[in-house]
Amino acid sequence: MATIINADTSDGLKLTSDTSGEIQFQSGGVTKAGVNATGLTGDGSQLTGLPAASSLTTASGSAPSYSARAWVSFNGQGTVAIRASGNVSSITDNGVGQYTLNFTTAMPDANYCVNVSAGPSVYSQGMEMEIISISTTNTSILGWGNGTEDPAFVCVSIFR
């Protein structure tokens, strides 16, 4: 037995329950999906009208919303150290001001957008960052002020 939530075709919503810890979702007495201690039961093929998995629940308005495929905040001075990240497995220090960001999960292609900001610079005119290369598994960037240098704060976001 299980806790059953049934959208009955003649009597409306019916709820029956026990202490098994399982929930079944039914329509007209036929189980469409369920949840138990190990996760979902059934293949869910009977569930219809659900939003697509690619839809963002935080989006508003009529324009589409896109989330970052990867992002990282890291210290580029001395031993490179990731402060926080999403879908960035590691950073390779390729020399002064030059880094390769390695993705945990590869991008679908190399047609993505890389946004980079960095600072502070030891030089008064500020810090510049440029993209050196883009691939499905990583992207490389270069930081410079008055020549190449290692920035203390580097933030990168990837959109596709």
Foldseek 3Di string as FASTA:
>chain_A
DAWEFEQAPPPGTDTDHDPQQKYFYYYNPHTQWIAHPVGIDDPNPSDDPDDDPLQDPPDDDDDGDWDFPKKWKWFQPDPIDTPDMDQFPDWDCPDFQKIKTFGPAFAPWQPKDKDKDFDDDPDPQGKDKDWDDTTRGITMMGMDDPGGHGTGIMMMTITD
